[in-house]
Amino acid sequence: MNHEIGFTAGKVWHALRDNGAASVTKLKNQLKVDAFSLNAAIGWLAREDKVVVEKSGKSYKVALKEN
């Protein structure tokens, strides 16, 4: 399972790098991943200090952290 989450984290990172910030729903649809894997991947990236997650209305928006 950790391998799948890590793989999904890579897909999320690349999608954000290529397309900019996105809602969790948009990422889920774009990457065609299940909600658990996506949320775990975003958590992984957040823990690694790679992304910023902000509440945007009723959903959440994810962006790469600028260094």
PDB file of N, CA and C in Angstrom:
ATOM      1  N   MET A   1       0.820  -1.195   0.000  1.00  0.00           N
ATOM      2  CA  MET A   1       0.000   0.000   0.000  1.00  0.00           C
ATOM      3  C   MET A   1       0.863   1.258   0.000  1.00  0.00           C
ATOM      4  N   ASN A   2       1.962   1.253   0.779  1.00  0.00           N
ATOM      5  CA  ASN A   2       2.838   2.428   0.804  1.00  0.00           C
ATOM      6  C   ASN A   2       3.387   2.755  -0.575  1.00  0.00           C
ATOM      7  N   HIS A   3       3.671   1.719  -1.362  1.00  0.00           N
ATOM      8  CA  HIS A   3       4.184   1.941  -2.712  1.00  0.00           C
ATOM      9  C   HIS A   3       3.146   2.681  -3.555  1.00  0.00           C
ATOM     10  N   GLU A   4       1.878   2.256  -3.448  1.00  0.00           N
ATOM     11  CA  GLU A   4       0.805   2.900  -4.212  1.00  0.00           C
ATOM     12  C   GLU A   4       0.640   4.363  -3.800  1.00  0.00           C
ATOM     13  N   ILE A   5       0.710   4.629  -2.505  1.00  0.00           N
ATOM     14  CA  ILE A   5       0.573   6.002  -2.014  1.00  0.00           C
ATOM     15  C   ILE A   5       1.743   6.851  -2.513  1.00  0.00           C
ATOM     16  N   GLY A   6       2.945   6.319  -2.453  1.00  0.00           N
ATOM     17  CA  GLY A   6       4.111   7.035  -2.948  1.00  0.00           C
ATOM     18  C   GLY A   6       4.023   7.305  -4.440  1.00  0.00           C
ATOM     19  N   PHE A   7       3.560   6.326  -5.195  1.00  0.00           N
ATOM     20  CA  PHE A   7       3.376   6.487  -6.636  1.00  0.00           C
ATOM     21  C   PHE A   7       2.354   7.584  -6.916  1.00  0.00           C
ATOM     22  N   THR A   8       1.245   7.563  -6.167  1.00  0.00           N
ATOM     23  CA  THR A   8       0.204   8.577  -6.337  1.00  0.00           C
ATOM     24  C   THR A   8       0.729   9.952  -5.941  1.00  0.00           C
ATOM     25  N   ALA A   9       1.544  10.027  -4.901  1.00  0.00           N
ATOM     26  CA  ALA A   9       2.148  11.304  -4.500  1.00  0.00           C
ATOM     27  C   ALA A   9       2.975  11.875  -5.644  1.00  0.00           C
ATOM     28  N   GLY A  10       3.696  11.022  -6.335  1.00  0.00           N
ATOM     29  CA  GLY A  10       4.462  11.469  -7.498  1.00  0.00           C
ATOM     30  C   GLY A  10       3.568  11.997  -8.595  1.00  0.00           C
ATOM     31  N   LYS A  11       2.461  11.307  -8.846  1.00  0.00           N
ATOM     32  CA  LYS A  11       1.514  11.769  -9.861  1.00  0.00           C
ATOM     33  C   LYS A  11       0.914  13.119  -9.485  1.00  0.00           C
ATOM     34  N   VAL A  12       0.583  13.294  -8.196  1.00  0.00           N
ATOM     35  CA  VAL A  12       0.024  14.568  -7.725  1.00  0.00           C
ATOM     36  C   VAL A  12       1.060  15.672  -7.913  1.00  0.00           C
ATOM     37  N   TRP A  13       2.294  15.422  -7.490  1.00  0.00           N
ATOM     38  CA  TRP A  13       3.346  16.433  -7.594  1.00  0.00           C
ATOM     39  C   TRP A  13       3.535  16.866  -9.049  1.00  0.00           C
ATOM     40  N   HIS A  14       3.579  15.903  -9.963  1.00  0.00           N
ATOM     41  CA  HIS A  14       3.758  16.230 -11.386  1.00  0.00           C
ATOM     42  C   HIS A  14       2.564  16.999 -11.940  1.00  0.00           C
ATOM     43  N   ALA A  15       1.362  16.622 -11.543  1.00  0.00           N
ATOM     44  CA  ALA A  15       0.166  17.332 -12.018  1.00  0.00           C
ATOM     45  C   ALA A  15       0.176  18.776 -11.535  1.00  0.00           C
ATOM     46  N   LEU A  16       0.547  18.995 -10.283  1.00  0.00           N
ATOM     47  CA  LEU A  16       0.592  20.356  -9.749  1.00  0.00           C
ATOM     48  C   LEU A  16       1.709  21.161 -10.408  1.00  0.00           C
ATOM     49  N   ARG A  17       2.844  20.530 -10.659  1.00  0.00           N
ATOM     50  CA  ARG A  17       3.958  21.216 -11.321  1.00  0.00           C
ATOM     51  C   ARG A  17       3.570  21.628 -12.737  1.00  0.00           C
ATOM     52  N   ASP A  18       2.888  20.740 -13.439  1.00  0.00           N
ATOM     53  CA  ASP A  18       2.554  20.997 -14.844  1.00  0.00           C
ATOM     54  C   ASP A  18       1.348  21.906 -15.021  1.00  0.00           C
ATOM     55  N   ASN A  19       0.387  21.850 -14.082  1.00  0.00           N
ATOM     56  CA  ASN A  19      -0.885  22.553 -14.271  1.00  0.00           C
ATOM     57  C   ASN A  19      -1.206  23.594 -13.209  1.00  0.00           C
ATOM     58  N   GLY A  20      -0.385  23.695 -12.191  1.00  0.00           N
ATOM     59  CA  GLY A  20      -0.661  24.652 -11.124  1.00  0.00           C
ATOM     60  C   GLY A  20      -1.622  24.086 -10.101  1.00  0.00           C
ATOM     61  N   ALA A  21      -2.032  24.933  -9.184  1.00  0.00           N
ATOM     62  CA  ALA A  21      -2.909  24.536  -8.077  1.00  0.00           C
ATOM     63  C   ALA A  21      -4.201  23.921  -8.596  1.00  0.00           C
ATOM     64  N   ALA A  22      -4.766  23.019  -7.792  1.00  0.00           N
ATOM     65  CA  ALA A  22      -6.006  22.349  -8.192  1.00  0.00           C
ATOM     66  C   ALA A  22      -6.778  21.929  -6.952  1.00  0.00           C
ATOM     67  N   SER A  23      -8.077  21.784  -7.129  1.00  0.00           N
ATOM     68  CA  SER A  23      -8.899  21.263  -6.035  1.00  0.00           C
ATOM     69  C   SER A  23      -8.666  19.765  -5.917  1.00  0.00           C
ATOM     70  N   VAL A  24      -8.985  19.233  -4.753  1.00  0.00           N
ATOM     71  CA  VAL A  24      -8.846  17.796  -4.540  1.00  0.00           C
ATOM     72  C   VAL A  24      -9.733  17.044  -5.527  1.00  0.00           C
ATOM     73  N   THR A  25     -10.941  17.548  -5.761  1.00  0.00           N
ATOM     74  CA  THR A  25     -11.865  16.898  -6.705  1.00  0.00           C
ATOM     75  C   THR A  25     -11.272  16.878  -8.111  1.00  0.00           C
ATOM     76  N   LYS A  26     -10.696  17.996  -8.535  1.00  0.00           N
ATOM     77  CA  LYS A  26     -10.098  18.054  -9.875  1.00  0.00           C
ATOM     78  C   LYS A  26      -8.942  17.066  -9.984  1.00  0.00           C
ATOM     79  N   LEU A  27      -8.097  17.000  -8.955  1.00  0.00           N
ATOM     80  CA  LEU A  27      -6.987  16.050  -8.974  1.00  0.00           C
ATOM     81  C   LEU A  27      -7.488  14.609  -9.044  1.00  0.00           C
ATOM     82  N   LYS A  28      -8.524  14.303  -8.260  1.00  0.00           N
ATOM     83  CA  LYS A  28      -9.076  12.946  -8.243  1.00  0.00           C
ATOM     84  C   LYS A  28      -9.551  12.551  -9.639  1.00  0.00           C
ATOM     85  N   ASN A  29     -10.272  13.446 -10.291  1.00  0.00           N
ATOM     86  CA  ASN A  29     -10.789  13.158 -11.629  1.00  0.00           C
ATOM     87  C   ASN A  29      -9.672  13.114 -12.670  1.00  0.00           C
ATOM     88  N   GLN A  30      -8.742  14.046 -12.584  1.00  0.00           N
ATOM     89  CA  GLN A  30      -7.647  14.120 -13.547  1.00  0.00           C
ATOM     90  C   GLN A  30      -6.739  12.905 -13.463  1.00  0.00           C
ATOM     91  N   LEU A  31      -6.421  12.486 -12.244  1.00  0.00           N
ATOM     92  CA  LEU A  31      -5.479  11.387 -12.053  1.00  0.00           C
ATOM     93  C   LEU A  31      -6.140  10.015 -12.030  1.00  0.00           C
ATOM     94  N   LYS A  32      -7.482  10.007 -11.941  1.00  0.00           N
ATOM     95  CA  LYS A  32      -8.249   8.759 -11.916  1.00  0.00           C
ATOM     96  C   LYS A  32      -7.775   7.828 -10.797  1.00  0.00           C
ATOM     97  N   VAL A  33      -7.745   8.375  -9.580  1.00  0.00           N
ATOM     98  CA  VAL A  33      -7.351   7.618  -8.402  1.00  0.00           C
ATOM     99  C   VAL A  33      -8.486   7.647  -7.389  1.00  0.00           C
ATOM    100  N   ASP A  34      -8.489   6.674  -6.478  1.00  0.00           N
ATOM    101  CA  ASP A  34      -9.531   6.648  -5.455  1.00  0.00           C
ATOM    102  C   ASP A  34      -9.235   7.707  -4.392  1.00  0.00           C
ATOM    103  N   ALA A  35     -10.271   8.084  -3.656  1.00  0.00           N
ATOM    104  CA  ALA A  35     -10.178   9.165  -2.675  1.00  0.00           C
ATOM    105  C   ALA A  35      -9.150   8.865  -1.587  1.00  0.00           C
ATOM    106  N   PHE A  36      -9.102   7.622  -1.099  1.00  0.00           N
ATOM    107  CA  PHE A  36      -8.150   7.295  -0.044  1.00  0.00           C
ATOM    108  C   PHE A  36      -6.711   7.493  -0.511  1.00  0.00           C
ATOM    109  N   SER A  37      -6.370   6.950  -1.678  1.00  0.00           N
ATOM    110  CA  SER A  37      -5.006   7.071  -2.192  1.00  0.00           C
ATOM    111  C   SER A  37      -4.626   8.527  -2.424  1.00  0.00           C
ATOM    112  N   LEU A  38      -5.555   9.309  -2.966  1.00  0.00           N
ATOM    113  CA  LEU A  38      -5.272  10.723  -3.210  1.00  0.00           C
ATOM    114  C   LEU A  38      -5.052  11.474  -1.906  1.00  0.00           C
ATOM    115  N   ASN A  39      -5.927  11.272  -0.942  1.00  0.00           N
ATOM    116  CA  ASN A  39      -5.790  11.969   0.337  1.00  0.00           C
ATOM    117  C   ASN A  39      -4.510  11.549   1.063  1.00  0.00           C
ATOM    118  N   ALA A  40      -4.180  10.274   0.997  1.00  0.00           N
ATOM    119  CA  ALA A  40      -2.938   9.802   1.618  1.00  0.00           C
ATOM    120  C   ALA A  40      -1.728  10.419   0.914  1.00  0.00           C
ATOM    121  N   ALA A  41      -1.788  10.516  -0.408  1.00  0.00           N
ATOM    122  CA  ALA A  41      -0.690  11.097  -1.177  1.00  0.00           C
ATOM    123  C   ALA A  41      -0.522  12.585  -0.852  1.00  0.00           C
ATOM    124  N   ILE A  42      -1.622  13.302  -0.740  1.00  0.00           N
ATOM    125  CA  ILE A  42      -1.550  14.722  -0.383  1.00  0.00           C
ATOM    126  C   ILE A  42      -0.979  14.863   1.028  1.00  0.00           C
ATOM    127  N   GLY A  43      -1.390  13.997   1.932  1.00  0.00           N
ATOM    128  CA  GLY A  43      -0.835  14.006   3.281  1.00  0.00           C
ATOM    129  C   GLY A  43       0.652  13.727   3.274  1.00  0.00           C
ATOM    130  N   TRP A  44       1.086  12.799   2.458  1.00  0.00           N
ATOM    131  CA  TRP A  44       2.506  12.463   2.317  1.00  0.00           C
ATOM    132  C   TRP A  44       3.273  13.709   1.868  1.00  0.00           C
ATOM    133  N   LEU A  45       2.760  14.368   0.813  1.00  0.00           N
ATOM    134  CA  LEU A  45       3.431  15.558   0.293  1.00  0.00           C
ATOM    135  C   LEU A  45       3.413  16.704   1.311  1.00  0.00           C
ATOM    136  N   ALA A  46       2.329  16.821   2.055  1.00  0.00           N
ATOM    137  CA  ALA A  46       2.248  17.858   3.089  1.00  0.00           C
ATOM    138  C   ALA A  46       3.264  17.581   4.188  1.00  0.00           C
ATOM    139  N   ARG A  47       3.393  16.342   4.582  1.00  0.00           N
ATOM    140  CA  ARG A  47       4.347  15.965   5.626  1.00  0.00           C
ATOM    141  C   ARG A  47       5.785  16.229   5.176  1.00  0.00           C
ATOM    142  N   GLU A  48       6.025  16.052   3.885  1.00  0.00           N
ATOM    143  CA  GLU A  48       7.344  16.313   3.319  1.00  0.00           C
ATOM    144  C   GLU A  48       7.541  17.805   3.017  1.00  0.00           C
ATOM    145  N   ASP A  49       6.553  18.633   3.343  1.00  0.00           N
ATOM    146  CA  ASP A  49       6.594  20.087   3.158  1.00  0.00           C
ATOM    147  C   ASP A  49       6.713  20.474   1.684  1.00  0.00           C
ATOM    148  N   LYS A  50       6.042  19.701   0.819  1.00  0.00           N
ATOM    149  CA  LYS A  50       6.091  19.944  -0.617  1.00  0.00           C
ATOM    150  C   LYS A  50       4.861  20.689  -1.134  1.00  0.00           C
ATOM    151  N   VAL A  51       3.746  20.638  -0.383  1.00  0.00           N
ATOM    152  CA  VAL A  51       2.510  21.271  -0.836  1.00  0.00           C
ATOM    153  C   VAL A  51       1.891  22.128   0.259  1.00  0.00           C
ATOM    154  N   VAL A  52       1.013  23.014  -0.193  1.00  0.00           N
ATOM    155  CA  VAL A  52       0.189  23.825   0.691  1.00  0.00           C
ATOM    156  C   VAL A  52      -1.252  23.427   0.418  1.00  0.00           C
ATOM    157  N   VAL A  53      -2.007  23.166   1.469  1.00  0.00           N
ATOM    158  CA  VAL A  53      -3.418  22.804   1.329  1.00  0.00           C
ATOM    159  C   VAL A  53      -4.234  23.891   2.008  1.00  0.00           C
ATOM    160  N   GLU A  54      -5.190  24.445   1.262  1.00  0.00           N
ATOM    161  CA  GLU A  54      -6.037  25.516   1.794  1.00  0.00           C
ATOM    162  C   GLU A  54      -7.490  25.201   1.523  1.00  0.00           C
ATOM    163  N   LYS A  55      -8.340  25.580   2.463  1.00  0.00           N
ATOM    164  CA  LYS A  55      -9.776  25.421   2.268  1.00  0.00           C
ATOM    165  C   LYS A  55     -10.230  26.476   1.282  1.00  0.00           C
ATOM    166  N   SER A  56     -11.009  26.059   0.307  1.00  0.00           N
ATOM    167  CA  SER A  56     -11.519  26.953  -0.730  1.00  0.00           C
ATOM    168  C   SER A  56     -13.004  26.678  -0.896  1.00  0.00           C
ATOM    169  N   GLY A  57     -13.835  27.467  -0.221  1.00  0.00           N
ATOM    170  CA  GLY A  57     -15.275  27.208  -0.241  1.00  0.00           C
ATOM    171  C   GLY A  57     -15.570  25.932   0.500  1.00  0.00           C
ATOM    172  N   LYS A  58     -16.200  24.983  -0.190  1.00  0.00           N
ATOM    173  CA  LYS A  58     -16.542  23.701   0.423  1.00  0.00           C
ATOM    174  C   LYS A  58     -15.503  22.623   0.138  1.00  0.00           C
ATOM    175  N   SER A  59     -14.490  22.966  -0.618  1.00  0.00           N
ATOM    176  CA  SER A  59     -13.467  21.961  -0.940  1.00  0.00           C
ATOM    177  C   SER A  59     -12.093  22.469  -0.511  1.00  0.00           C
ATOM    178  N   TYR A  60     -11.076  21.724  -0.890  1.00  0.00           N
ATOM    179  CA  TYR A  60      -9.706  22.071  -0.567  1.00  0.00           C
ATOM    180  C   TYR A  60      -8.895  22.239  -1.839  1.00  0.00           C
ATOM    181  N   LYS A  61      -7.992  23.199  -1.821  1.00  0.00           N
ATOM    182  CA  LYS A  61      -7.129  23.462  -2.948  1.00  0.00           C
ATOM    183  C   LYS A  61      -5.698  23.103  -2.556  1.00  0.00           C
ATOM    184  N   VAL A  62      -4.996  22.447  -3.465  1.00  0.00           N
ATOM    185  CA  VAL A  62      -3.638  21.988  -3.216  1.00  0.00           C
ATOM    186  C   VAL A  62      -2.714  22.676  -4.212  1.00  0.00           C
ATOM    187  N   ALA A  63      -1.579  23.153  -3.726  1.00  0.00           N
ATOM    188  CA  ALA A  63      -0.587  23.801  -4.578  1.00  0.00           C
ATOM    189  C   ALA A  63       0.808  23.377  -4.114  1.00  0.00           C
ATOM    190  N   LEU A  64       1.737  23.377  -5.045  1.00  0.00           N
ATOM    191  CA  LEU A  64       3.122  23.124  -4.670  1.00  0.00           C
ATOM    192  C   LEU A  64       3.616  24.287  -3.815  1.00  0.00           C
ATOM    193  N   LYS A  65       4.400  23.969  -2.837  1.00  0.00           N
ATOM    194  CA  LYS A  65       4.966  24.988  -1.971  1.00  0.00           C
ATOM    195  C   LYS A  65       6.124  25.645  -2.705  1.00  0.00           C
ATOM    196  N   GLU A  66       6.147  26.970  -2.708  1.00  0.00           N
ATOM    197  CA  GLU A  66       7.228  27.697  -3.361  1.00  0.00           C
ATOM    198  C   GLU A  66       8.410  27.776  -2.414  1.00  0.00           C
ATOM    199  N   ASN A  67       9.573  27.475  -2.926  1.00  0.00           N
ATOM    200  CA  ASN A  67      10.791  27.522  -2.094  1.00  0.00           C
ATOM    201  C   ASN A  67      11.619  28.715  -2.435  1.00  0.00           C
TER     202      ASN A  67
END
